[in-house]
Protein backbone atom coordinates (compact mmCIF):
# COMPACT_ATOMS: atom_id res chain seq x y z
CA MET A 1 8.48 6.60 -71.15
CA ASN A 2 6.99 9.33 -68.38
CA ARG A 3 3.92 8.69 -70.88
CA ASN A 4 3.52 5.30 -70.31
CA LEU A 5 4.17 5.19 -67.11
CA LEU A 6 1.62 7.39 -66.58
CA PHE A 7 -1.04 5.69 -68.74
CA ALA A 8 0.27 2.40 -66.80
CA GLY A 9 -0.85 3.90 -63.58
CA LEU A 10 -3.77 4.52 -65.16
CA PHE A 11 -5.12 1.55 -65.97
CA LEU A 12 -4.59 -0.22 -63.72
CA LEU A 13 -6.42 2.41 -61.38
CA VAL A 14 -9.92 2.27 -63.80
CA SER A 15 -9.16 -1.38 -63.77
CA PHE A 16 -8.73 -2.03 -60.46
CA ASN A 17 -12.02 0.07 -59.08
CA VAL A 18 -14.16 -1.80 -62.12
CA PHE A 19 -13.58 -5.04 -59.93
CA ALA A 20 -13.90 -3.39 -57.08
CA GLN A 21 -17.95 -2.56 -57.94
CA ASN A 22 -18.23 -5.42 -59.48
CA ASP A 23 -16.90 -7.43 -56.31
CA PHE A 24 -19.06 -5.34 -54.26
CA GLN A 25 -22.42 -6.36 -56.61
CA ASN A 26 -21.56 -9.01 -56.66
CA THR A 27 -21.43 -9.98 -52.63
CA SER A 28 -25.04 -7.35 -51.68
CA ASN A 29 -26.38 -9.47 -54.41
CA THR A 30 -25.60 -12.88 -51.62
CA ILE A 31 -26.24 -11.08 -49.23
CA SER A 32 -29.94 -9.85 -50.11
CA ASP A 33 -30.71 -13.34 -52.00
CA ASP A 34 -30.05 -14.56 -48.72
CA SER A 35 -33.29 -14.90 -46.55
CA SER A 36 -31.19 -16.34 -43.48
CA LEU A 37 -30.42 -12.98 -43.09
CA LYS A 38 -33.17 -10.94 -43.44
CA ILE A 39 -33.19 -10.51 -39.68
CA LYS A 40 -30.14 -7.88 -39.86
CA SER A 41 -31.93 -5.50 -41.32
CA MET A 42 -35.34 -6.44 -39.93
CA GLU A 43 -36.48 -2.68 -41.94
CA GLY A 44 -34.17 -0.99 -40.09
CA LYS A 45 -34.67 -1.09 -36.24
CA SER A 46 -32.62 -3.17 -34.06
CA VAL A 47 -33.05 -6.46 -32.55
CA VAL A 48 -31.65 -5.06 -29.08
CA LYS A 49 -32.59 -1.91 -27.17
CA LEU A 50 -29.81 -0.39 -24.93
CA TYR A 51 -30.21 2.28 -23.04
CA PRO A 52 -28.78 5.00 -22.21
CA ASN A 53 -26.15 3.80 -24.50
CA PRO A 54 -23.88 5.90 -23.29
CA SER A 55 -23.72 5.91 -19.50
CA TYR A 56 -22.50 5.85 -16.42
CA GLY A 57 -21.91 2.34 -15.01
CA LYS A 58 -25.46 0.49 -15.48
CA VAL A 59 -26.91 -0.43 -18.96
CA SER A 60 -29.97 -2.04 -19.97
CA VAL A 61 -30.38 -4.10 -22.89
CA SER A 62 -33.74 -6.01 -23.75
CA ALA A 63 -34.42 -8.23 -26.87
CA ASN A 64 -37.26 -6.31 -29.46
CA SER A 65 -37.69 -9.94 -30.75
CA SER A 66 -39.60 -13.06 -29.62
CA SER A 67 -36.38 -15.10 -31.47
CA LEU A 68 -33.93 -16.41 -28.99
CA LEU A 69 -30.95 -13.67 -28.84
CA HIS A 70 -27.27 -14.38 -27.45
CA PHE A 71 -26.31 -11.37 -25.98
CA TYR A 72 -22.65 -10.33 -25.86
CA VAL A 73 -20.14 -8.14 -24.55
CA PHE A 74 -16.16 -7.99 -24.89
CA ASP A 75 -13.87 -5.55 -23.90
CA LEU A 76 -11.88 -4.27 -26.28
CA GLU A 77 -9.42 -6.61 -26.22
CA GLY A 78 -11.80 -9.13 -26.90
CA THR A 79 -12.13 -10.63 -23.75
CA LEU A 80 -15.51 -11.67 -22.37
CA VAL A 81 -17.37 -9.15 -20.12
CA PHE A 82 -20.53 -9.93 -20.08
CA GLN A 83 -22.93 -12.52 -21.80
CA ALA A 84 -27.02 -13.13 -21.60
CA VAL A 85 -29.96 -14.87 -23.18
CA LEU A 86 -32.81 -12.98 -24.65
CA ASN A 87 -35.77 -14.35 -25.24
CA ASN A 88 -39.52 -13.00 -25.65
CA LYS A 89 -38.54 -9.03 -25.23
CA GLU A 90 -36.87 -9.96 -21.86
CA ARG A 91 -34.96 -7.65 -20.31
CA LYS A 92 -31.96 -7.76 -18.21
CA ILE A 93 -29.03 -5.42 -16.56
CA ILE A 94 -25.67 -4.81 -16.49
CA GLU A 95 -24.26 -3.39 -14.52
CA HIS A 96 -19.98 -2.94 -13.44
CA LEU A 97 -18.70 -2.33 -16.44
CA LYS A 98 -15.44 0.35 -16.18
CA LYS A 99 -15.41 3.71 -17.51
CA GLY A 100 -13.92 2.72 -21.15
CA THR A 101 -15.72 1.28 -24.14
CA TYR A 102 -17.06 -2.10 -24.88
CA LEU A 103 -18.17 -3.75 -28.20
CA TYR A 104 -21.62 -6.48 -28.27
CA ASP A 105 -22.48 -8.60 -30.41
CA VAL A 106 -25.74 -10.37 -30.58
CA PHE A 107 -26.58 -13.70 -32.08
CA GLU A 108 -29.93 -15.51 -33.14
CA LYS A 109 -29.71 -19.08 -34.87
CA ASP A 110 -25.31 -19.44 -34.60
CA GLU A 111 -25.83 -16.22 -36.54
CA SER A 112 -24.80 -12.53 -36.23
CA VAL A 113 -27.47 -10.23 -36.49
CA GLU A 114 -26.02 -7.01 -35.21
CA GLU A 115 -22.92 -5.83 -34.15
CA GLY A 116 -22.06 -1.98 -31.29
CA LYS A 117 -20.59 -0.51 -29.59
CA ILE A 118 -21.17 0.73 -24.99
CA ILE A 119 -19.46 3.51 -23.20
CA ILE A 120 -19.03 4.10 -20.58
CA LYS A 121 -18.60 7.15 -19.25
């Protein structure tokens, strides 16, 4: 009886792993085939530059792209604390952030192209 349970458990585990790998491969193919997501990789380059990060309250954000970018900063509760439109390598200063961790999201043409963290010491 215990031997049957062991084989059944192993079968389920192997089946799940095969399913998960196939699902991941299908997702990867979908993403790489979609040319609208090309900006996400940009050959490993970020679409925005944040400096300094971590910071002591003042962070500079600039676009590494000539495209129009919408930049949003949220606290960890999901409240929008800063937003900016960056056009043609434009630079903005984010000030008055309290100590903590913030999340940012960058959009181009209504698609998220980059996200990350800002740390204020």
